[in-house]
Protein backbone atom coordinates (compact mmCIF):
# COMPACT_ATOMS: atom_id res chain seq x y z
CA MET A 1 -17.76 -12.46 -8.23
CA SER A 2 -21.53 -13.26 -8.22
CA SER A 3 -24.01 -13.70 -11.21
CA PRO A 4 -26.42 -13.30 -12.86
CA LEU A 5 -25.91 -9.53 -12.38
CA SER A 6 -29.31 -8.75 -13.94
CA GLN A 7 -30.89 -10.01 -10.60
CA ILE A 8 -29.30 -7.17 -8.68
CA THR A 9 -30.10 -4.21 -11.06
CA ILE A 10 -33.23 -2.15 -11.43
CA ALA A 11 -34.24 0.52 -13.81
CA ASP A 12 -33.94 4.20 -12.82
CA ASN A 13 -37.79 4.39 -12.76
CA ALA A 14 -38.17 1.61 -10.20
CA THR A 15 -39.96 2.25 -7.12
CA LEU A 16 -38.85 1.68 -3.43
CA LEU A 17 -41.19 -1.40 -3.17
CA GLU A 18 -39.61 -2.87 -6.52
CA ALA A 19 -36.08 -2.26 -4.94
CA MET A 20 -36.95 -3.99 -1.80
CA GLY A 21 -38.14 -6.92 -3.86
CA THR A 22 -34.85 -7.05 -5.77
CA ILE A 23 -32.78 -6.80 -2.59
CA ASN A 24 -34.67 -9.40 -0.82
CA GLY A 25 -34.64 -11.77 -3.96
CA CYS A 26 -30.91 -11.53 -4.72
CA GLY A 27 -29.85 -12.06 -1.06
CA HIS A 28 -26.75 -9.82 -1.36
CA GLY A 29 -28.46 -6.98 0.58
CA ILE A 30 -27.93 -4.35 -2.24
CA ALA A 31 -29.51 -3.30 -5.67
CA PHE A 32 -27.93 -1.26 -8.36
CA VAL A 33 -29.98 1.44 -10.21
CA ARG A 34 -29.10 1.90 -13.86
CA ASP A 35 -30.08 4.18 -16.70
CA HIS A 36 -31.45 3.03 -20.06
CA GLY A 37 -27.71 2.51 -21.25
CA GLY A 38 -26.77 0.34 -18.16
CA LYS A 39 -24.76 2.87 -16.60
CA VAL A 40 -25.15 2.52 -12.65
CA LEU A 41 -26.38 5.51 -11.23
CA GLY A 42 -26.19 4.72 -7.51
CA THR A 43 -27.01 1.85 -4.94
CA LEU A 44 -29.82 0.90 -2.61
CA THR A 45 -29.57 -1.02 0.55
CA ASP A 46 -32.31 -2.25 3.10
CA GLY A 47 -30.94 0.83 5.36
CA ASP A 48 -31.31 3.37 2.55
CA ILE A 49 -34.88 2.38 1.95
CA ARG A 50 -35.72 2.19 5.51
CA ARG A 51 -34.29 5.65 6.04
CA ALA A 52 -36.24 6.99 3.16
CA LEU A 53 -39.48 5.59 4.56
CA LEU A 54 -38.87 6.94 7.87
CA SER A 55 -38.25 10.44 6.37
CA GLY A 56 -41.77 10.40 4.74
CA ALA A 57 -41.33 8.51 1.40
CA SER A 58 -43.86 5.88 0.30
CA PRO A 59 -43.32 2.64 -1.21
CA GLY A 60 -44.31 3.72 -4.62
CA ASP A 61 -42.03 6.67 -4.68
CA ARG A 62 -39.14 6.28 -7.27
CA CYS A 63 -35.78 5.43 -5.82
CA LEU A 64 -34.04 7.99 -7.85
CA GLN A 65 -35.86 10.69 -6.10
CA SER A 66 -35.95 9.38 -2.61
CA ALA A 67 -33.23 6.89 -1.46
CA LEU A 68 -30.57 6.59 -4.17
CA ASN A 69 -26.94 6.57 -2.89
CA GLU A 70 -24.82 8.13 -5.64
CA ASP A 71 -21.63 8.38 -3.62
CA PHE A 72 -20.68 4.59 -3.81
CA VAL A 73 -17.41 2.72 -3.73
CA TRP A 74 -16.49 0.88 -6.84
CA VAL A 75 -13.50 -0.69 -8.64
CA ASP A 76 -12.64 -1.63 -12.11
CA SER A 77 -11.81 -4.98 -13.68
CA ALA A 78 -8.12 -4.53 -13.11
CA THR A 79 -8.49 -4.57 -9.37
CA ASP A 80 -8.07 -8.15 -7.99
CA ARG A 81 -9.88 -9.84 -5.33
CA ALA A 82 -7.30 -9.01 -2.65
CA ALA A 83 -7.31 -5.40 -3.35
CA ALA A 84 -11.17 -5.40 -3.32
CA LEU A 85 -11.08 -7.08 0.06
CA ASP A 86 -8.67 -4.37 1.37
CA ILE A 87 -11.14 -1.64 0.20
CA MET A 88 -14.18 -3.52 1.79
CA ARG A 89 -12.41 -4.05 5.11
CA ALA A 90 -11.23 -0.47 5.23
CA ARG A 91 -14.56 1.09 4.31
CA SER A 92 -16.70 -1.43 6.40
CA ILE A 93 -18.86 -2.46 3.49
CA ASN A 94 -20.01 -5.91 2.54
CA GLN A 95 -20.19 -5.54 -1.26
CA ILE A 96 -18.29 -3.52 -4.02
CA PRO A 97 -19.36 -3.49 -7.55
CA VAL A 98 -17.19 -3.76 -10.61
CA LEU A 99 -17.83 -1.40 -13.28
CA ASP A 100 -16.51 -0.96 -16.88
CA GLU A 101 -15.25 2.10 -18.57
CA HIS A 102 -18.93 3.17 -19.30
CA GLY A 103 -20.02 2.72 -15.71
CA ARG A 104 -21.84 -0.45 -16.35
CA LEU A 105 -21.94 -3.28 -13.78
CA ILE A 106 -19.80 -6.17 -14.82
CA GLY A 107 -19.20 -8.00 -11.51
CA LEU A 108 -19.68 -7.83 -7.69
CA HIS A 109 -17.25 -8.60 -4.95
CA LEU A 110 -18.93 -9.92 -1.78
CA LEU A 111 -17.19 -9.78 1.64
CA LYS A 112 -19.06 -13.01 2.62
CA GLU A 113 -17.37 -14.74 -0.25
CA LEU A 114 -13.95 -13.65 0.82
CA ILE A 115 -11.95 -14.27 4.16
CA GLY A 116 -12.61 -11.74 6.77
CA ALA A 117 -10.58 -10.46 9.59
CA ALA A 118 -11.58 -9.39 13.02
CA GLU A 119 -10.02 -5.96 14.40
CA ARG A 120 -6.63 -6.39 15.82
CA PRO A 121 -5.01 -4.66 18.76
CA ASN A 122 -1.77 -4.33 16.82
CA TRP A 123 -0.45 -1.00 15.44
CA ALA A 124 1.44 -0.56 12.21
CA VAL A 125 4.30 1.74 11.49
CA ILE A 126 4.90 2.24 7.79
CA LEU A 127 8.12 3.94 6.94
CA ALA A 128 7.42 6.82 4.39
CA GLY A 129 10.07 9.37 4.98
CA GLY A 130 12.91 8.47 2.59
CA LYS A 131 14.20 10.72 -0.28
CA GLY A 132 14.14 8.02 -2.92
CA SER A 133 17.07 9.51 -4.57
CA ARG A 134 17.38 6.53 -7.09
CA LEU A 135 14.00 7.50 -8.48
CA ALA A 136 14.83 11.17 -9.18
CA PRO A 137 13.45 13.23 -10.75
CA LEU A 138 10.18 11.54 -9.93
CA THR A 139 10.75 11.86 -6.15
CA GLU A 140 11.76 15.56 -6.30
CA THR A 141 8.01 16.71 -5.87
CA THR A 142 6.47 13.24 -4.92
CA PRO A 143 7.56 11.18 -2.04
CA LYS A 144 8.56 7.74 -3.14
CA PRO A 145 5.84 5.98 -1.22
CA MET A 146 3.36 8.17 -2.98
CA LEU A 147 4.32 7.07 -6.55
CA GLN A 148 1.39 5.29 -8.21
CA VAL A 149 1.01 1.73 -9.22
CA ALA A 150 -2.14 0.68 -10.89
CA GLY A 151 -3.68 4.07 -10.38
CA ARG A 152 -3.13 4.25 -6.66
CA PRO A 153 -0.26 5.56 -4.45
CA VAL A 154 1.86 2.75 -3.15
CA LEU A 155 1.45 3.98 0.43
CA GLU A 156 -2.34 4.01 0.02
CA ARG A 157 -2.26 0.43 -1.09
CA LEU A 158 -0.34 -0.39 1.98
CA VAL A 159 -2.58 1.44 4.36
CA LEU A 160 -5.63 -0.38 2.85
CA HIS A 161 -3.69 -3.56 3.14
CA VAL A 162 -3.05 -3.43 6.78
CA VAL A 163 -6.46 -2.08 7.55
CA GLY A 164 -7.83 -5.00 5.66
CA PHE A 165 -6.09 -7.32 8.11
CA GLY A 166 -7.91 -5.63 11.11
CA ILE A 167 -5.19 -2.99 12.08
CA ARG A 168 -7.01 0.21 12.94
CA ARG A 169 -4.20 2.42 14.33
CA VAL A 170 -1.45 3.32 11.67
CA PHE A 171 1.67 5.44 12.10
CA LEU A 172 3.18 7.07 9.13
CA ALA A 173 6.92 7.98 9.70
CA VAL A 174 7.42 10.92 7.41
CA ASN A 175 10.21 13.42 6.58
CA HIS A 176 10.91 14.24 2.88
CA LEU A 177 7.95 16.08 1.42
CA ALA A 178 5.91 15.08 4.46
CA HIS A 179 3.13 17.54 3.75
CA VAL A 180 2.25 15.54 0.62
CA VAL A 181 1.54 12.53 2.57
CA GLU A 182 -0.21 14.17 5.40
CA GLU A 183 -2.45 16.18 3.01
CA HIS A 184 -3.48 12.84 1.17
CA PHE A 185 -4.27 10.71 4.29
CA GLU A 186 -5.11 13.35 7.01
CA ASN A 187 -6.33 11.53 9.97
CA GLY A 188 -7.20 8.18 8.14
CA THR A 189 -10.99 8.33 8.38
CA ARG A 190 -11.31 7.87 4.71
CA PHE A 191 -9.29 4.73 4.86
CA GLY A 192 -10.94 3.03 7.82
CA CYS A 193 -8.27 3.69 10.42
CA ARG A 194 -6.81 6.36 12.64
CA ILE A 195 -3.50 7.73 11.17
CA ASP A 196 -0.84 9.51 13.29
CA TYR A 197 2.39 10.83 11.95
CA LEU A 198 6.01 10.31 13.37
CA ARG A 199 7.56 13.32 12.07
CA GLU A 200 11.31 12.98 11.77
CA THR A 201 13.23 16.23 12.02
CA THR A 202 16.40 14.42 10.73
CA PRO A 203 16.48 11.05 8.99
CA LEU A 204 16.06 8.25 11.48
CA GLY A 205 16.50 5.27 9.27
CA THR A 206 14.15 2.25 9.32
CA GLY A 207 14.17 1.66 13.02
CA GLY A 208 14.66 5.09 14.55
CA PRO A 209 11.01 6.30 13.97
CA LEU A 210 9.94 3.66 16.64
CA SER A 211 11.28 5.87 19.39
CA LEU A 212 8.74 8.48 18.25
CA LEU A 213 5.72 6.39 19.16
CA PRO A 214 3.71 8.19 21.62
CA ALA A 215 3.43 5.34 23.98
CA VAL A 216 4.73 1.71 24.48
CA PRO A 217 2.43 -0.58 22.51
CA GLU A 218 0.43 -3.18 24.25
CA ALA A 219 0.85 -5.72 21.34
CA PRO A 220 3.36 -6.49 18.78
CA ILE A 221 3.57 -3.90 16.11
CA LEU A 222 4.05 -4.17 12.35
CA VAL A 223 6.71 -2.39 10.69
CA MET A 224 6.97 -2.05 6.95
CA ASN A 225 8.88 -0.13 4.38
CA GLY A 226 6.61 2.27 2.58
CA ASP A 227 7.90 1.45 -1.04
CA LEU A 228 6.42 -2.15 -1.07
CA VAL A 229 3.73 -3.62 -3.39
CA THR A 230 2.64 -6.67 -1.56
CA GLN A 231 -0.08 -8.96 -0.74
CA ALA A 232 1.71 -10.42 2.24
CA ASN A 233 -0.55 -12.46 4.68
CA LEU A 234 -0.23 -10.39 7.69
CA ALA A 235 -2.44 -12.68 9.67
CA LEU A 236 -0.01 -15.50 9.19
CA LEU A 237 2.93 -13.24 10.03
CA PHE A 238 1.40 -12.32 13.48
CA GLU A 239 0.38 -15.83 14.20
CA PHE A 240 3.99 -17.06 13.40
CA HIS A 241 5.42 -14.21 15.80
CA ASP A 242 2.98 -14.93 18.60
CA SER A 243 3.41 -18.72 18.57
CA GLY A 244 7.14 -18.47 18.66
CA GLY A 245 7.34 -16.03 21.43
CA PHE A 246 9.81 -13.94 19.52
CA ALA A 247 11.22 -10.33 20.38
CA ALA A 248 11.11 -9.73 16.71
CA THR A 249 10.09 -11.46 13.46
CA CYS A 250 11.88 -10.50 10.24
CA GLY A 251 9.96 -11.22 6.97
CA LEU A 252 12.12 -12.93 4.32
CA ARG A 253 11.56 -13.41 0.52
CA PRO A 254 13.16 -16.10 -1.69
CA HIS A 255 15.47 -14.45 -4.25
CA ALA A 256 17.27 -16.17 -7.07
CA LEU A 257 20.54 -14.82 -7.94
CA GLU A 258 21.94 -15.74 -11.37
CA ILE A 259 25.74 -15.55 -11.51
CA PRO A 260 26.65 -14.67 -15.17
CA TYR A 261 29.95 -16.48 -15.17
CA GLY A 262 31.31 -20.05 -14.94
CA VAL A 263 31.82 -20.73 -11.21
CA ALA A 264 35.04 -22.79 -10.55
CA LYS A 265 35.18 -25.60 -8.42
CA VAL A 266 38.76 -25.67 -6.67
CA ASP A 267 40.54 -28.11 -4.36
CA GLU A 268 43.61 -26.11 -3.02
CA ASP A 269 45.69 -25.50 -6.16
CA ARG A 270 43.72 -27.80 -8.54
CA LEU A 271 40.80 -26.91 -10.63
CA LEU A 272 38.12 -29.59 -10.45
CA GLY A 273 35.77 -28.12 -12.97
CA PHE A 274 33.10 -25.39 -13.72
CA LYS A 275 29.57 -25.04 -12.99
CA GLU A 276 28.13 -22.72 -15.84
CA LYS A 277 26.17 -19.66 -14.83
CA PRO A 278 24.59 -21.14 -11.72
CA THR A 279 21.58 -19.75 -9.86
CA GLU A 280 21.95 -19.33 -6.19
CA GLN A 281 18.67 -19.54 -4.10
CA LEU A 282 18.75 -16.92 -1.27
CA LEU A 283 16.41 -15.47 1.49
CA VAL A 284 16.42 -11.65 1.54
CA ASN A 285 15.00 -9.06 3.83
CA ALA A 286 11.54 -8.20 2.64
CA GLY A 287 11.27 -4.93 4.78
CA ILE A 288 8.34 -6.33 6.81
CA TYR A 289 8.70 -6.91 10.60
CA VAL A 290 6.83 -7.66 13.65
CA VAL A 291 8.26 -6.10 16.86
CA SER A 292 7.18 -6.96 20.48
CA PRO A 293 6.47 -4.25 22.87
CA GLU A 294 9.58 -4.86 25.01
CA THR A 295 11.81 -4.73 21.90
CA VAL A 296 10.61 -1.30 20.96
CA SER A 297 12.28 0.27 23.99
CA LEU A 298 15.67 -0.91 22.74
CA VAL A 299 15.49 1.60 20.07
CA PRO A 300 17.73 4.63 20.97
CA SER A 301 15.87 7.93 20.68
CA ASN A 302 16.39 10.72 18.14
CA GLN A 303 19.07 8.97 16.05
CA GLU A 304 19.50 7.11 12.89
CA TYR A 305 18.95 3.50 13.61
CA PRO A 306 18.14 0.80 10.96
CA MET A 307 15.82 -2.11 11.67
CA THR A 308 18.59 -4.49 11.14
CA ALA A 309 20.64 -3.00 13.84
CA LEU A 310 17.61 -3.71 16.29
CA ILE A 311 17.46 -7.55 14.93
CA LEU A 312 21.19 -7.81 15.45
CA ARG A 313 20.92 -6.35 19.04
CA CYS A 314 18.15 -8.92 19.85
CA LEU A 315 20.35 -11.68 18.64
CA GLU A 316 23.48 -10.40 20.57
CA GLU A 317 21.39 -10.28 23.79
CA GLY A 318 20.04 -13.81 23.28
CA ARG A 319 16.44 -12.59 22.46
CA PRO A 320 14.89 -14.92 19.86
CA VAL A 321 14.17 -13.66 16.50
CA GLY A 322 11.79 -15.33 14.12
CA ALA A 323 12.44 -15.85 10.23
CA HIS A 324 9.00 -15.83 8.42
CA LEU A 325 8.99 -16.79 4.78
CA ILE A 326 6.74 -14.46 2.69
CA GLU A 327 5.51 -16.20 -0.43
CA ASP A 328 3.00 -13.83 -1.52
CA GLU A 329 3.04 -11.07 -4.12
CA TRP A 330 5.96 -8.84 -3.13
CA SER A 331 7.94 -6.10 -4.86
CA ASP A 332 10.12 -3.06 -3.93
CA ILE A 333 9.77 0.00 -6.12
CA GLY A 334 12.97 1.57 -4.86
CA HIS A 335 14.85 1.24 -8.20
CA PRO A 336 13.63 2.38 -11.64
CA ASN A 337 13.63 -1.03 -12.97
CA GLU A 338 11.50 -2.33 -10.17
CA LEU A 339 9.05 0.64 -10.41
CA ARG A 340 8.62 -0.01 -14.00
CA ALA A 341 8.08 -3.67 -13.38
CA ALA A 342 5.31 -3.07 -10.75
CA ARG A 343 3.68 -0.74 -13.26
CA GLY A 344 3.72 -3.51 -15.86
CA LEU A 345 6.23 -1.79 -18.08
CA LYS A 346 9.48 -3.08 -19.61
């Protein structure tokens, strides 16, 4: 975040000329108009002022009356840098203010200070059709991916995340309570992408929805479970997949499994000793995949088909499959305990 913040704020009685001086002086391309209590009333950019002047305003006019953008995007202090970056990339904006509970400016995220990403040719398929039976009764009226974590539906976090890595075409596979998902996301414009829907008339599992794609993709596609809270570095995942020439790549997560018993060490019929309550380090399926275009055609149409079956078929046919370790933040909200943990509850 940038400071001092006083250099990028102006009073609500400031003129367009004064605002121009503030914008030029701070070098961030934006100024924030505040009232006498410090509450941010709106934002001003060079473009806002230029449009106001072209519409007949004069440099001495008050910003509040002629050029103020009151419909601006902001975040609170609980939003981390990665999430702020997701929003900036999705909305194609270069700055996003941090406001406190009273609407006062307490920080500023700048795109130029964070890592950017160019638009990618890859598509993303996010699986959002499951019933989420383990989370009932929460999922009786709300699809599992639409349950909220930190004030935002999990599926919205995922969409913003993939858009933040340059993916501009997203397919949502829907079934259970599909209308809730479609009414929230519509065509994706609000989220900086084009969203289309893969509508399952019967459950197709985690891989089957790929058969509903309208065309064979021209580049590898990302496939993700819709119940993940993650900051997985998708650029690294695609880079790994492309450099390895893989038919598919499976994202893996380290998982420590604690065995609550003493494990016996045996040689034939003789006990050699015990290892008390050992912890076994495993790699588990993270529910994040990259699939090459030619692999998509292997998915049978209109039948339930898990992604793991597609991976196993590639292996059986001698097609190389990559194993990429995802070490970034990752959690699956499919179980009540996991949902509570993601929400910061015990």
